[in-house]
Amino acid sequence: MGTVRVENIRVYAHHGCLPEETIIGSDYLVTVLVKTDLSKAAISDALADTVDYVHINKIVEQEMAIPSKLLEHVAKRINDRILLEIPIVKKSTIAVSKINPPINGDVEKVTIVLKSKRR
């Protein structure tokens, strides 16, 4: 089993429970970690035998463009698409961070982490 990690994909999106959040938007970071068998790719040197991180980045950008109230909802959509569209992925972990969340406090970011595995 191997790991492919795409870290800190920067996205500007319109998520949140407050109306202002969905109107104004804010900055987000998304990290995707997928587990898969990388032994074939290590031998073949062929993109078709591994997880294409360009595809992962595209999924993240597309799902982050759809406004949601909760980061958990966005992370689930990203997880669902990765498992649907990239058959060799066995497990995935998605971390979605909202930078400078609108809360009363000096908080750099709030992060949710959601894990899924192929059934």
PDB file of N, CA and C in Angstrom:
ATOM      1  N   MET A   1       0.851  -1.180   0.000  1.00  0.00           N
ATOM      2  CA  MET A   1       0.000   0.000   0.000  1.00  0.00           C
ATOM      3  C   MET A   1       0.893   1.239   0.000  1.00  0.00           C
ATOM      4  N   GLY A   2       0.509   2.228  -0.777  1.00  0.00           N
ATOM      5  CA  GLY A   2       1.246   3.486  -0.836  1.00  0.00           C
ATOM      6  C   GLY A   2       0.308   4.655  -0.608  1.00  0.00           C
ATOM      7  N   THR A   3       0.894   5.830  -0.567  1.00  0.00           N
ATOM      8  CA  THR A   3       0.137   7.054  -0.307  1.00  0.00           C
ATOM      9  C   THR A   3       0.446   8.098  -1.363  1.00  0.00           C
ATOM     10  N   VAL A   4      -0.590   8.750  -1.840  1.00  0.00           N
ATOM     11  CA  VAL A   4      -0.444   9.943  -2.675  1.00  0.00           C
ATOM     12  C   VAL A   4      -1.086  11.072  -1.895  1.00  0.00           C
ATOM     13  N   ARG A   5      -0.318  12.138  -1.663  1.00  0.00           N
ATOM     14  CA  ARG A   5      -0.814  13.273  -0.890  1.00  0.00           C
ATOM     15  C   ARG A   5      -0.703  14.537  -1.746  1.00  0.00           C
ATOM     16  N   VAL A   6      -1.816  15.238  -1.892  1.00  0.00           N
ATOM     17  CA  VAL A   6      -1.839  16.534  -2.573  1.00  0.00           C
ATOM     18  C   VAL A   6      -2.147  17.548  -1.478  1.00  0.00           C
ATOM     19  N   GLU A   7      -1.157  18.368  -1.146  1.00  0.00           N
ATOM     20  CA  GLU A   7      -1.258  19.208   0.046  1.00  0.00           C
ATOM     21  C   GLU A   7      -1.551  20.677  -0.260  1.00  0.00           C
ATOM     22  N   ASN A   8      -2.403  21.230   0.570  1.00  0.00           N
ATOM     23  CA  ASN A   8      -2.695  22.669   0.589  1.00  0.00           C
ATOM     24  C   ASN A   8      -3.081  23.231  -0.778  1.00  0.00           C
ATOM     25  N   ILE A   9      -4.089  22.613  -1.375  1.00  0.00           N
ATOM     26  CA  ILE A   9      -4.668  23.156  -2.609  1.00  0.00           C
ATOM     27  C   ILE A   9      -5.385  24.440  -2.200  1.00  0.00           C
ATOM     28  N   ARG A  10      -4.967  25.556  -2.736  1.00  0.00           N
ATOM     29  CA  ARG A  10      -5.552  26.853  -2.368  1.00  0.00           C
ATOM     30  C   ARG A  10      -6.754  27.153  -3.248  1.00  0.00           C
ATOM     31  N   VAL A  11      -7.857  27.473  -2.583  1.00  0.00           N
ATOM     32  CA  VAL A  11      -9.111  27.725  -3.295  1.00  0.00           C
ATOM     33  C   VAL A  11      -9.822  28.897  -2.622  1.00  0.00           C
ATOM     34  N   TYR A  12     -10.409  29.758  -3.431  1.00  0.00           N
ATOM     35  CA  TYR A  12     -11.295  30.805  -2.922  1.00  0.00           C
ATOM     36  C   TYR A  12     -12.707  30.303  -3.167  1.00  0.00           C
ATOM     37  N   ALA A  13     -13.506  30.209  -2.088  1.00  0.00           N
ATOM     38  CA  ALA A  13     -14.841  29.622  -2.232  1.00  0.00           C
ATOM     39  C   ALA A  13     -15.847  30.330  -1.331  1.00  0.00           C
ATOM     40  N   HIS A  14     -17.105  29.938  -1.454  1.00  0.00           N
ATOM     41  CA  HIS A  14     -18.212  30.614  -0.781  1.00  0.00           C
ATOM     42  C   HIS A  14     -18.990  29.644   0.105  1.00  0.00           C
ATOM     43  N   HIS A  15     -18.343  29.151   1.157  1.00  0.00           N
ATOM     44  CA  HIS A  15     -18.984  28.226   2.084  1.00  0.00           C
ATOM     45  C   HIS A  15     -19.244  28.912   3.415  1.00  0.00           C
ATOM     46  N   GLY A  16     -20.287  28.485   4.106  1.00  0.00           N
ATOM     47  CA  GLY A  16     -20.551  28.990   5.443  1.00  0.00           C
ATOM     48  C   GLY A  16     -22.027  29.076   5.747  1.00  0.00           C
ATOM     49  N   CYS A  17     -22.325  29.150   7.030  1.00  0.00           N
ATOM     50  CA  CYS A  17     -23.718  29.241   7.489  1.00  0.00           C
ATOM     51  C   CYS A  17     -24.231  30.677   7.464  1.00  0.00           C
ATOM     52  N   LEU A  18     -23.327  31.648   7.565  1.00  0.00           N
ATOM     53  CA  LEU A  18     -23.736  33.050   7.549  1.00  0.00           C
ATOM     54  C   LEU A  18     -23.907  33.537   6.122  1.00  0.00           C
ATOM     55  N   PRO A  19     -24.947  34.324   5.853  1.00  0.00           N
ATOM     56  CA  PRO A  19     -25.162  34.830   4.482  1.00  0.00           C
ATOM     57  C   PRO A  19     -23.944  35.581   3.936  1.00  0.00           C
ATOM     58  N   GLU A  20     -23.250  36.318   4.815  1.00  0.00           N
ATOM     59  CA  GLU A  20     -22.079  37.080   4.376  1.00  0.00           C
ATOM     60  C   GLU A  20     -20.984  36.158   3.845  1.00  0.00           C
ATOM     61  N   GLU A  21     -20.854  34.985   4.466  1.00  0.00           N
ATOM     62  CA  GLU A  21     -19.809  34.046   4.046  1.00  0.00           C
ATOM     63  C   GLU A  21     -20.038  33.556   2.621  1.00  0.00           C
ATOM     64  N   THR A  22     -21.295  33.312   2.272  1.00  0.00           N
ATOM     65  CA  THR A  22     -21.576  32.810   0.932  1.00  0.00           C
ATOM     66  C   THR A  22     -21.533  33.927  -0.111  1.00  0.00           C
ATOM     67  N   ILE A  23     -21.706  35.162   0.328  1.00  0.00           N
ATOM     68  CA  ILE A  23     -21.631  36.285  -0.603  1.00  0.00           C
ATOM     69  C   ILE A  23     -20.174  36.704  -0.824  1.00  0.00           C
ATOM     70  N   ILE A  24     -19.466  36.938   0.274  1.00  0.00           N
ATOM     71  CA  ILE A  24     -18.096  37.451   0.201  1.00  0.00           C
ATOM     72  C   ILE A  24     -17.100  36.356  -0.157  1.00  0.00           C
ATOM     73  N   GLY A  25     -17.249  35.182   0.457  1.00  0.00           N
ATOM     74  CA  GLY A  25     -16.307  34.085   0.237  1.00  0.00           C
ATOM     75  C   GLY A  25     -15.058  34.250   1.075  1.00  0.00           C
ATOM     76  N   SER A  26     -14.215  33.251   1.043  1.00  0.00           N
ATOM     77  CA  SER A  26     -12.946  33.314   1.769  1.00  0.00           C
ATOM     78  C   SER A  26     -11.978  32.268   1.223  1.00  0.00           C
ATOM     79  N   ASP A  27     -10.785  32.288   1.789  1.00  0.00           N
ATOM     80  CA  ASP A  27      -9.726  31.390   1.349  1.00  0.00           C
ATOM     81  C   ASP A  27      -9.799  30.059   2.094  1.00  0.00           C
ATOM     82  N   TYR A  28      -9.490  28.992   1.380  1.00  0.00           N
ATOM     83  CA  TYR A  28      -9.504  27.638   1.926  1.00  0.00           C
ATOM     84  C   TYR A  28      -8.242  26.905   1.486  1.00  0.00           C
ATOM     85  N   LEU A  29      -7.857  25.934   2.289  1.00  0.00           N
ATOM     86  CA  LEU A  29      -6.804  24.996   1.920  1.00  0.00           C
ATOM     87  C   LEU A  29      -7.394  23.594   2.009  1.00  0.00           C
ATOM     88  N   VAL A  30      -7.114  22.774   1.005  1.00  0.00           N
ATOM     89  CA  VAL A  30      -7.601  21.402   0.993  1.00  0.00           C
ATOM     90  C   VAL A  30      -6.402  20.479   0.798  1.00  0.00           C
ATOM     91  N   THR A  31      -6.320  19.474   1.659  1.00  0.00           N
ATOM     92  CA  THR A  31      -5.295  18.441   1.518  1.00  0.00           C
ATOM     93  C   THR A  31      -5.993  17.106   1.315  1.00  0.00           C
ATOM     94  N   VAL A  32      -5.540  16.379   0.308  1.00  0.00           N
ATOM     95  CA  VAL A  32      -6.103  15.072  -0.024  1.00  0.00           C
ATOM     96  C   VAL A  32      -5.003  14.029   0.129  1.00  0.00           C
ATOM     97  N   LEU A  33      -5.313  12.970   0.869  1.00  0.00           N
ATOM     98  CA  LEU A  33      -4.403  11.845   1.038  1.00  0.00           C
ATOM     99  C   LEU A  33      -5.157  10.596   0.620  1.00  0.00           C
ATOM    100  N   VAL A  34      -4.601   9.864  -0.349  1.00  0.00           N
ATOM    101  CA  VAL A  34      -5.242   8.627  -0.780  1.00  0.00           C
ATOM    102  C   VAL A  34      -4.278   7.461  -0.617  1.00  0.00           C
ATOM    103  N   LYS A  35      -4.843   6.312  -0.256  1.00  0.00           N
ATOM    104  CA  LYS A  35      -4.080   5.070  -0.105  1.00  0.00           C
ATOM    105  C   LYS A  35      -4.429   4.165  -1.277  1.00  0.00           C
ATOM    106  N   THR A  36      -3.388   3.579  -1.858  1.00  0.00           N
ATOM    107  CA  THR A  36      -3.560   2.697  -3.000  1.00  0.00           C
ATOM    108  C   THR A  36      -2.328   1.816  -3.140  1.00  0.00           C
ATOM    109  N   ASP A  37      -2.423   0.829  -3.984  1.00  0.00           N
ATOM    110  CA  ASP A  37      -1.270  -0.015  -4.288  1.00  0.00           C
ATOM    111  C   ASP A  37      -0.451   0.681  -5.370  1.00  0.00           C
ATOM    112  N   LEU A  38       0.749   1.108  -5.020  1.00  0.00           N
ATOM    113  CA  LEU A  38       1.611   1.822  -5.961  1.00  0.00           C
ATOM    114  C   LEU A  38       2.686   0.919  -6.572  1.00  0.00           C
ATOM    115  N   SER A  39       2.644  -0.373  -6.268  1.00  0.00           N
ATOM    116  CA  SER A  39       3.715  -1.264  -6.728  1.00  0.00           C
ATOM    117  C   SER A  39       3.764  -1.384  -8.253  1.00  0.00           C
ATOM    118  N   LYS A  40       2.621  -1.444  -8.909  1.00  0.00           N
ATOM    119  CA  LYS A  40       2.597  -1.546 -10.373  1.00  0.00           C
ATOM    120  C   LYS A  40       3.182  -0.290 -11.018  1.00  0.00           C
ATOM    121  N   ALA A  41       2.792   0.889 -10.506  1.00  0.00           N
ATOM    122  CA  ALA A  41       3.314   2.150 -11.048  1.00  0.00           C
ATOM    123  C   ALA A  41       4.818   2.282 -10.819  1.00  0.00           C
ATOM    124  N   ALA A  42       5.296   1.767  -9.685  1.00  0.00           N
ATOM    125  CA  ALA A  42       6.724   1.842  -9.383  1.00  0.00           C
ATOM    126  C   ALA A  42       7.548   1.055 -10.398  1.00  0.00           C
ATOM    127  N   ILE A  43       6.950   0.016 -10.962  1.00  0.00           N
ATOM    128  CA  ILE A  43       7.648  -0.801 -11.959  1.00  0.00           C
ATOM    129  C   ILE A  43       7.410  -0.270 -13.368  1.00  0.00           C
ATOM    130  N   SER A  44       6.160   0.048 -13.691  1.00  0.00           N
ATOM    131  CA  SER A  44       5.800   0.412 -15.070  1.00  0.00           C
ATOM    132  C   SER A  44       6.198   1.834 -15.462  1.00  0.00           C
ATOM    133  N   ASP A  45       6.261   2.737 -14.484  1.00  0.00           N
ATOM    134  CA  ASP A  45       6.530   4.154 -14.753  1.00  0.00           C
ATOM    135  C   ASP A  45       5.437   4.765 -15.642  1.00  0.00           C
ATOM    136  N   ALA A  46       4.209   4.252 -15.505  1.00  0.00           N
ATOM    137  CA  ALA A  46       3.091   4.696 -16.339  1.00  0.00           C
ATOM    138  C   ALA A  46       2.036   5.406 -15.491  1.00  0.00           C
ATOM    139  N   LEU A  47       1.598   6.567 -15.946  1.00  0.00           N
ATOM    140  CA  LEU A  47       0.578   7.335 -15.242  1.00  0.00           C
ATOM    141  C   LEU A  47      -0.711   6.542 -15.062  1.00  0.00           C
ATOM    142  N   ALA A  48      -1.036   5.694 -16.008  1.00  0.00           N
ATOM    143  CA  ALA A  48      -2.269   4.895 -15.933  1.00  0.00           C
ATOM    144  C   ALA A  48      -2.271   3.931 -14.749  1.00  0.00           C
ATOM    145  N   ASP A  49      -1.111   3.658 -14.168  1.00  0.00           N
ATOM    146  CA  ASP A  49      -1.007   2.708 -13.063  1.00  0.00           C
ATOM    147  C   ASP A  49      -0.956   3.368 -11.688  1.00  0.00           C
ATOM    148  N   THR A  50      -1.203   4.660 -11.634  1.00  0.00           N
ATOM    149  CA  THR A  50      -1.155   5.363 -10.352  1.00  0.00           C
ATOM    150  C   THR A  50      -2.343   6.303 -10.234  1.00  0.00           C
ATOM    151  N   VAL A  51      -2.351   7.078  -9.169  1.00  0.00           N
ATOM    152  CA  VAL A  51      -3.386   8.082  -8.955  1.00  0.00           C
ATOM    153  C   VAL A  51      -2.887   9.400  -9.551  1.00  0.00           C
ATOM    154  N   ASP A  52      -3.633   9.925 -10.490  1.00  0.00           N
ATOM    155  CA  ASP A  52      -3.267  11.180 -11.158  1.00  0.00           C
ATOM    156  C   ASP A  52      -3.641  12.358 -10.256  1.00  0.00           C
ATOM    157  N   TYR A  53      -2.642  13.033  -9.710  1.00  0.00           N
ATOM    158  CA  TYR A  53      -2.936  14.142  -8.801  1.00  0.00           C
ATOM    159  C   TYR A  53      -3.532  15.344  -9.516  1.00  0.00           C
ATOM    160  N   VAL A  54      -3.393  15.421 -10.830  1.00  0.00           N
ATOM    161  CA  VAL A  54      -4.077  16.470 -11.594  1.00  0.00           C
ATOM    162  C   VAL A  54      -5.594  16.231 -11.515  1.00  0.00           C
ATOM    163  N   HIS A  55      -6.003  14.979 -11.586  1.00  0.00           N
ATOM    164  CA  HIS A  55      -7.419  14.619 -11.474  1.00  0.00           C
ATOM    165  C   HIS A  55      -7.935  14.964 -10.075  1.00  0.00           C
ATOM    166  N   ILE A  56      -7.152  14.669  -9.044  1.00  0.00           N
ATOM    167  CA  ILE A  56      -7.547  15.019  -7.680  1.00  0.00           C
ATOM    168  C   ILE A  56      -7.726  16.525  -7.553  1.00  0.00           C
ATOM    169  N   ASN A  57      -6.791  17.291  -8.067  1.00  0.00           N
ATOM    170  CA  ASN A  57      -6.874  18.756  -7.995  1.00  0.00           C
ATOM    171  C   ASN A  57      -8.134  19.268  -8.694  1.00  0.00           C
ATOM    172  N   LYS A  58      -8.469  18.684  -9.846  1.00  0.00           N
ATOM    173  CA  LYS A  58      -9.668  19.085 -10.589  1.00  0.00           C
ATOM    174  C   LYS A  58     -10.931  18.812  -9.777  1.00  0.00           C
ATOM    175  N   ILE A  59     -10.998  17.635  -9.156  1.00  0.00           N
ATOM    176  CA  ILE A  59     -12.159  17.297  -8.327  1.00  0.00           C
ATOM    177  C   ILE A  59     -12.303  18.302  -7.193  1.00  0.00           C
ATOM    178  N   VAL A  60     -11.213  18.609  -6.512  1.00  0.00           N
ATOM    179  CA  VAL A  60     -11.258  19.568  -5.406  1.00  0.00           C
ATOM    180  C   VAL A  60     -11.749  20.924  -5.885  1.00  0.00           C
ATOM    181  N   GLU A  61     -11.185  21.433  -6.969  1.00  0.00           N
ATOM    182  CA  GLU A  61     -11.598  22.745  -7.471  1.00  0.00           C
ATOM    183  C   GLU A  61     -13.079  22.762  -7.847  1.00  0.00           C
ATOM    184  N   GLN A  62     -13.558  21.711  -8.493  1.00  0.00           N
ATOM    185  CA  GLN A  62     -14.962  21.663  -8.910  1.00  0.00           C
ATOM    186  C   GLN A  62     -15.906  21.585  -7.709  1.00  0.00           C
ATOM    187  N   GLU A  63     -15.586  20.758  -6.736  1.00  0.00           N
ATOM    188  CA  GLU A  63     -16.473  20.610  -5.578  1.00  0.00           C
ATOM    189  C   GLU A  63     -16.409  21.834  -4.660  1.00  0.00           C
ATOM    190  N   MET A  64     -15.263  22.453  -4.544  1.00  0.00           N
ATOM    191  CA  MET A  64     -15.156  23.665  -3.722  1.00  0.00           C
ATOM    192  C   MET A  64     -15.908  24.830  -4.357  1.00  0.00           C
ATOM    193  N   ALA A  65     -16.163  24.775  -5.648  1.00  0.00           N
ATOM    194  CA  ALA A  65     -16.897  25.846  -6.339  1.00  0.00           C
ATOM    195  C   ALA A  65     -18.397  25.791  -6.053  1.00  0.00           C
ATOM    196  N   ILE A  66     -18.878  24.691  -5.480  1.00  0.00           N
ATOM    197  CA  ILE A  66     -20.297  24.546  -5.149  1.00  0.00           C
ATOM    198  C   ILE A  66     -20.486  24.953  -3.688  1.00  0.00           C
ATOM    199  N   PRO A  67     -21.190  26.065  -3.414  1.00  0.00           N
ATOM    200  CA  PRO A  67     -21.343  26.529  -2.027  1.00  0.00           C
ATOM    201  C   PRO A  67     -22.055  25.514  -1.129  1.00  0.00           C
ATOM    202  N   SER A  68     -21.537  25.384   0.085  1.00  0.00           N
ATOM    203  CA  SER A  68     -22.143  24.544   1.113  1.00  0.00           C
ATOM    204  C   SER A  68     -22.102  25.283   2.437  1.00  0.00           C
ATOM    205  N   LYS A  69     -22.996  24.936   3.326  1.00  0.00           N
ATOM    206  CA  LYS A  69     -22.974  25.534   4.655  1.00  0.00           C
ATOM    207  C   LYS A  69     -21.836  24.969   5.486  1.00  0.00           C
ATOM    208  N   LEU A  70     -21.599  23.653   5.359  1.00  0.00           N
ATOM    209  CA  LEU A  70     -20.620  22.988   6.211  1.00  0.00           C
ATOM    210  C   LEU A  70     -19.441  22.443   5.404  1.00  0.00           C
ATOM    211  N   LEU A  71     -18.251  22.560   5.981  1.00  0.00           N
ATOM    212  CA  LEU A  71     -17.057  22.008   5.353  1.00  0.00           C
ATOM    213  C   LEU A  71     -17.133  20.485   5.271  1.00  0.00           C
ATOM    214  N   GLU A  72     -17.820  19.866   6.229  1.00  0.00           N
ATOM    215  CA  GLU A  72     -17.997  18.418   6.215  1.00  0.00           C
ATOM    216  C   GLU A  72     -18.710  17.961   4.937  1.00  0.00           C
ATOM    217  N   HIS A  73     -19.681  18.754   4.507  1.00  0.00           N
ATOM    218  CA  HIS A  73     -20.449  18.436   3.301  1.00  0.00           C
ATOM    219  C   HIS A  73     -19.561  18.482   2.063  1.00  0.00           C
ATOM    220  N   VAL A  74     -18.717  19.511   1.995  1.00  0.00           N
ATOM    221  CA  VAL A  74     -17.801  19.636   0.862  1.00  0.00           C
ATOM    222  C   VAL A  74     -16.805  18.480   0.857  1.00  0.00           C
ATOM    223  N   ALA A  75     -16.248  18.158   2.020  1.00  0.00           N
ATOM    224  CA  ALA A  75     -15.268  17.070   2.120  1.00  0.00           C
ATOM    225  C   ALA A  75     -15.886  15.739   1.695  1.00  0.00           C
ATOM    226  N   LYS A  76     -17.133  15.506   2.066  1.00  0.00           N
ATOM    227  CA  LYS A  76     -17.807  14.261   1.677  1.00  0.00           C
ATOM    228  C   LYS A  76     -17.974  14.184   0.166  1.00  0.00           C
ATOM    229  N   ARG A  77     -18.340  15.297  -0.447  1.00  0.00           N
ATOM    230  CA  ARG A  77     -18.486  15.309  -1.906  1.00  0.00           C
ATOM    231  C   ARG A  77     -17.151  15.006  -2.590  1.00  0.00           C
ATOM    232  N   ILE A  78     -16.072  15.598  -2.080  1.00  0.00           N
ATOM    233  CA  ILE A  78     -14.744  15.343  -2.645  1.00  0.00           C
ATOM    234  C   ILE A  78     -14.393  13.862  -2.487  1.00  0.00           C
ATOM    235  N   ASN A  79     -14.585  13.325  -1.283  1.00  0.00           N
ATOM    236  CA  ASN A  79     -14.318  11.900  -1.028  1.00  0.00           C
ATOM    237  C   ASN A  79     -15.123  11.008  -1.959  1.00  0.00           C
ATOM    238  N   ASP A  80     -16.422  11.288  -2.077  1.00  0.00           N
ATOM    239  CA  ASP A  80     -17.297  10.470  -2.920  1.00  0.00           C
ATOM    240  C   ASP A  80     -16.814  10.451  -4.365  1.00  0.00           C
ATOM    241  N   ARG A  81     -16.434  11.602  -4.891  1.00  0.00           N
ATOM    242  CA  ARG A  81     -15.985  11.666  -6.286  1.00  0.00           C
ATOM    243  C   ARG A  81     -14.655  10.955  -6.484  1.00  0.00           C
ATOM    244  N   ILE A  82     -13.756  11.088  -5.525  1.00  0.00           N
ATOM    245  CA  ILE A  82     -12.465  10.395  -5.657  1.00  0.00           C
ATOM    246  C   ILE A  82     -12.686   8.888  -5.715  1.00  0.00           C
ATOM    247  N   LEU A  83     -13.515   8.361  -4.820  1.00  0.00           N
ATOM    248  CA  LEU A  83     -13.773   6.919  -4.817  1.00  0.00           C
ATOM    249  C   LEU A  83     -14.533   6.474  -6.066  1.00  0.00           C
ATOM    250  N   LEU A  84     -15.381   7.331  -6.597  1.00  0.00           N
ATOM    251  CA  LEU A  84     -16.136   7.003  -7.804  1.00  0.00           C
ATOM    252  C   LEU A  84     -15.263   7.057  -9.059  1.00  0.00           C
ATOM    253  N   GLU A  85     -14.444   8.090  -9.161  1.00  0.00           N
ATOM    254  CA  GLU A  85     -13.724   8.355 -10.413  1.00  0.00           C
ATOM    255  C   GLU A  85     -12.317   7.766 -10.482  1.00  0.00           C
ATOM    256  N   ILE A  86     -11.758   7.378  -9.343  1.00  0.00           N
ATOM    257  CA  ILE A  86     -10.394   6.833  -9.348  1.00  0.00           C
ATOM    258  C   ILE A  86     -10.444   5.449  -8.701  1.00  0.00           C
ATOM    259  N   PRO A  87     -10.722   4.426  -9.496  1.00  0.00           N
ATOM    260  CA  PRO A  87     -10.993   3.093  -8.963  1.00  0.00           C
ATOM    261  C   PRO A  87      -9.874   2.462  -8.140  1.00  0.00           C
ATOM    262  N   ILE A  88      -8.624   2.845  -8.361  1.00  0.00           N
ATOM    263  CA  ILE A  88      -7.538   2.195  -7.616  1.00  0.00           C
ATOM    264  C   ILE A  88      -7.379   2.734  -6.194  1.00  0.00           C
ATOM    265  N   VAL A  89      -8.081   3.819  -5.864  1.00  0.00           N
ATOM    266  CA  VAL A  89      -8.009   4.364  -4.503  1.00  0.00           C
ATOM    267  C   VAL A  89      -8.767   3.447  -3.550  1.00  0.00           C
ATOM    268  N   LYS A  90      -8.099   3.052  -2.467  1.00  0.00           N
ATOM    269  CA  LYS A  90      -8.709   2.182  -1.454  1.00  0.00           C
ATOM    270  C   LYS A  90      -9.268   2.989  -0.286  1.00  0.00           C
ATOM    271  N   LYS A  91      -8.532   4.036   0.129  1.00  0.00           N
ATOM    272  CA  LYS A  91      -8.939   4.897   1.238  1.00  0.00           C
ATOM    273  C   LYS A  91      -8.579   6.333   0.888  1.00  0.00           C
ATOM    274  N   SER A  92      -9.363   7.256   1.427  1.00  0.00           N
ATOM    275  CA  SER A  92      -9.037   8.672   1.213  1.00  0.00           C
ATOM    276  C   SER A  92      -9.302   9.464   2.490  1.00  0.00           C
ATOM    277  N   THR A  93      -8.496  10.474   2.667  1.00  0.00           N
ATOM    278  CA  THR A  93      -8.652  11.411   3.778  1.00  0.00           C
ATOM    279  C   THR A  93      -8.623  12.813   3.198  1.00  0.00           C
ATOM    280  N   ILE A  94      -9.653  13.589   3.525  1.00  0.00           N
ATOM    281  CA  ILE A  94      -9.767  14.962   3.030  1.00  0.00           C
ATOM    282  C   ILE A  94      -9.735  15.904   4.228  1.00  0.00           C
ATOM    283  N   ALA A  95      -8.864  16.898   4.177  1.00  0.00           N
ATOM    284  CA  ALA A  95      -8.816  17.952   5.193  1.00  0.00           C
ATOM    285  C   ALA A  95      -9.157  19.266   4.505  1.00  0.00           C
ATOM    286  N   VAL A  96     -10.194  19.927   4.992  1.00  0.00           N
ATOM    287  CA  VAL A  96     -10.609  21.220   4.441  1.00  0.00           C
ATOM    288  C   VAL A  96     -10.428  22.257   5.542  1.00  0.00           C
ATOM    289  N   SER A  97      -9.643  23.296   5.251  1.00  0.00           N
ATOM    290  CA  SER A  97      -9.366  24.349   6.229  1.00  0.00           C
ATOM    291  C   SER A  97      -9.906  25.684   5.746  1.00  0.00           C
ATOM    292  N   LYS A  98     -10.635  26.359   6.618  1.00  0.00           N
ATOM    293  CA  LYS A  98     -11.102  27.709   6.338  1.00  0.00           C
ATOM    294  C   LYS A  98     -10.109  28.665   6.996  1.00  0.00           C
ATOM    295  N   ILE A  99      -9.506  29.525   6.178  1.00  0.00           N
ATOM    296  CA  ILE A  99      -8.503  30.472   6.668  1.00  0.00           C
ATOM    297  C   ILE A  99      -9.211  31.684   7.276  1.00  0.00           C
ATOM    298  N   ASN A 100      -8.750  32.125   8.430  1.00  0.00           N
ATOM    299  CA  ASN A 100      -9.333  33.283   9.131  1.00  0.00           C
ATOM    300  C   ASN A 100     -10.852  33.186   9.237  1.00  0.00           C
ATOM    301  N   PRO A 101     -11.370  32.169   9.911  1.00  0.00           N
ATOM    302  CA  PRO A 101     -12.827  32.012  10.014  1.00  0.00           C
ATOM    303  C   PRO A 101     -13.447  33.179  10.790  1.00  0.00           C
ATOM    304  N   PRO A 102     -14.698  33.536  10.439  1.00  0.00           N
ATOM    305  CA  PRO A 102     -15.349  34.676  11.093  1.00  0.00           C
ATOM    306  C   PRO A 102     -15.909  34.306  12.469  1.00  0.00           C
ATOM    307  N   ILE A 103     -15.013  34.110  13.417  1.00  0.00           N
ATOM    308  CA  ILE A 103     -15.419  33.816  14.788  1.00  0.00           C
ATOM    309  C   ILE A 103     -14.764  34.827  15.712  1.00  0.00           C
ATOM    310  N   ASN A 104     -15.302  35.001  16.881  1.00  0.00           N
ATOM    311  CA  ASN A 104     -14.727  35.949  17.836  1.00  0.00           C
ATOM    312  C   ASN A 104     -13.468  35.356  18.438  1.00  0.00           C
ATOM    313  N   GLY A 105     -12.346  35.634  17.813  1.00  0.00           N
ATOM    314  CA  GLY A 105     -11.078  35.124  18.309  1.00  0.00           C
ATOM    315  C   GLY A 105     -10.011  35.236  17.238  1.00  0.00           C
ATOM    316  N   ASP A 106      -8.776  35.149  17.677  1.00  0.00           N
ATOM    317  CA  ASP A 106      -7.640  35.203  16.771  1.00  0.00           C
ATOM    318  C   ASP A 106      -7.314  33.772  16.350  1.00  0.00           C
ATOM    319  N   VAL A 107      -7.974  33.292  15.276  1.00  0.00           N
ATOM    320  CA  VAL A 107      -7.847  31.915  14.828  1.00  0.00           C
ATOM    321  C   VAL A 107      -7.310  31.909  13.406  1.00  0.00           C
ATOM    322  N   GLU A 108      -6.192  31.225  13.212  1.00  0.00           N
ATOM    323  CA  GLU A 108      -5.582  31.147  11.885  1.00  0.00           C
ATOM    324  C   GLU A 108      -6.470  30.403  10.897  1.00  0.00           C
ATOM    325  N   LYS A 109      -6.958  29.227  11.333  1.00  0.00           N
ATOM    326  CA  LYS A 109      -7.802  28.425  10.456  1.00  0.00           C
ATOM    327  C   LYS A 109      -8.555  27.392  11.280  1.00  0.00           C
ATOM    328  N   VAL A 110      -9.646  26.922  10.695  1.00  0.00           N
ATOM    329  CA  VAL A 110     -10.429  25.824  11.257  1.00  0.00           C
ATOM    330  C   VAL A 110     -10.378  24.711  10.221  1.00  0.00           C
ATOM    331  N   THR A 111     -10.098  23.485  10.675  1.00  0.00           N
ATOM    332  CA  THR A 111      -9.941  22.358   9.759  1.00  0.00           C
ATOM    333  C   THR A 111     -10.852  21.209  10.164  1.00  0.00           C
ATOM    334  N   ILE A 112     -11.508  20.635   9.165  1.00  0.00           N
ATOM    335  CA  ILE A 112     -12.233  19.384   9.393  1.00  0.00           C
ATOM    336  C   ILE A 112     -11.514  18.305   8.592  1.00  0.00           C
ATOM    337  N   VAL A 113     -11.544  17.086   9.110  1.00  0.00           N
ATOM    338  CA  VAL A 113     -10.917  15.951   8.430  1.00  0.00           C
ATOM    339  C   VAL A 113     -11.953  14.840   8.301  1.00  0.00           C
ATOM    340  N   LEU A 114     -12.103  14.333   7.101  1.00  0.00           N
ATOM    341  CA  LEU A 114     -13.067  13.276   6.830  1.00  0.00           C
ATOM    342  C   LEU A 114     -12.359  12.122   6.122  1.00  0.00           C
ATOM    343  N   LYS A 115     -12.568  10.903   6.615  1.00  0.00           N
ATOM    344  CA  LYS A 115     -11.948   9.712   6.029  1.00  0.00           C
ATOM    345  C   LYS A 115     -13.028   8.819   5.432  1.00  0.00           C
ATOM    346  N   SER A 116     -12.668   8.177   4.318  1.00  0.00           N
ATOM    347  CA  SER A 116     -13.552   7.213   3.676  1.00  0.00           C
ATOM    348  C   SER A 116     -12.738   6.057   3.150  1.00  0.00           C
ATOM    349  N   LYS A 117     -13.404   4.918   2.947  1.00  0.00           N
ATOM    350  CA  LYS A 117     -12.726   3.792   2.321  1.00  0.00           C
ATOM    351  C   LYS A 117     -13.694   3.084   1.390  1.00  0.00           C
ATOM    352  N   ARG A 118     -13.098   2.450   0.401  1.00  0.00           N
ATOM    353  CA  ARG A 118     -13.894   1.716  -0.584  1.00  0.00           C
ATOM    354  C   ARG A 118     -14.524   0.513   0.098  1.00  0.00           C
ATOM    355  N   ARG A 119     -15.770   0.245  -0.209  1.00  0.00           N
ATOM    356  CA  ARG A 119     -16.476  -0.898   0.396  1.00  0.00           C
ATOM    357  C   ARG A 119     -16.295  -2.138  -0.421  1.00  0.00           C
TER     358      ARG A 119
END
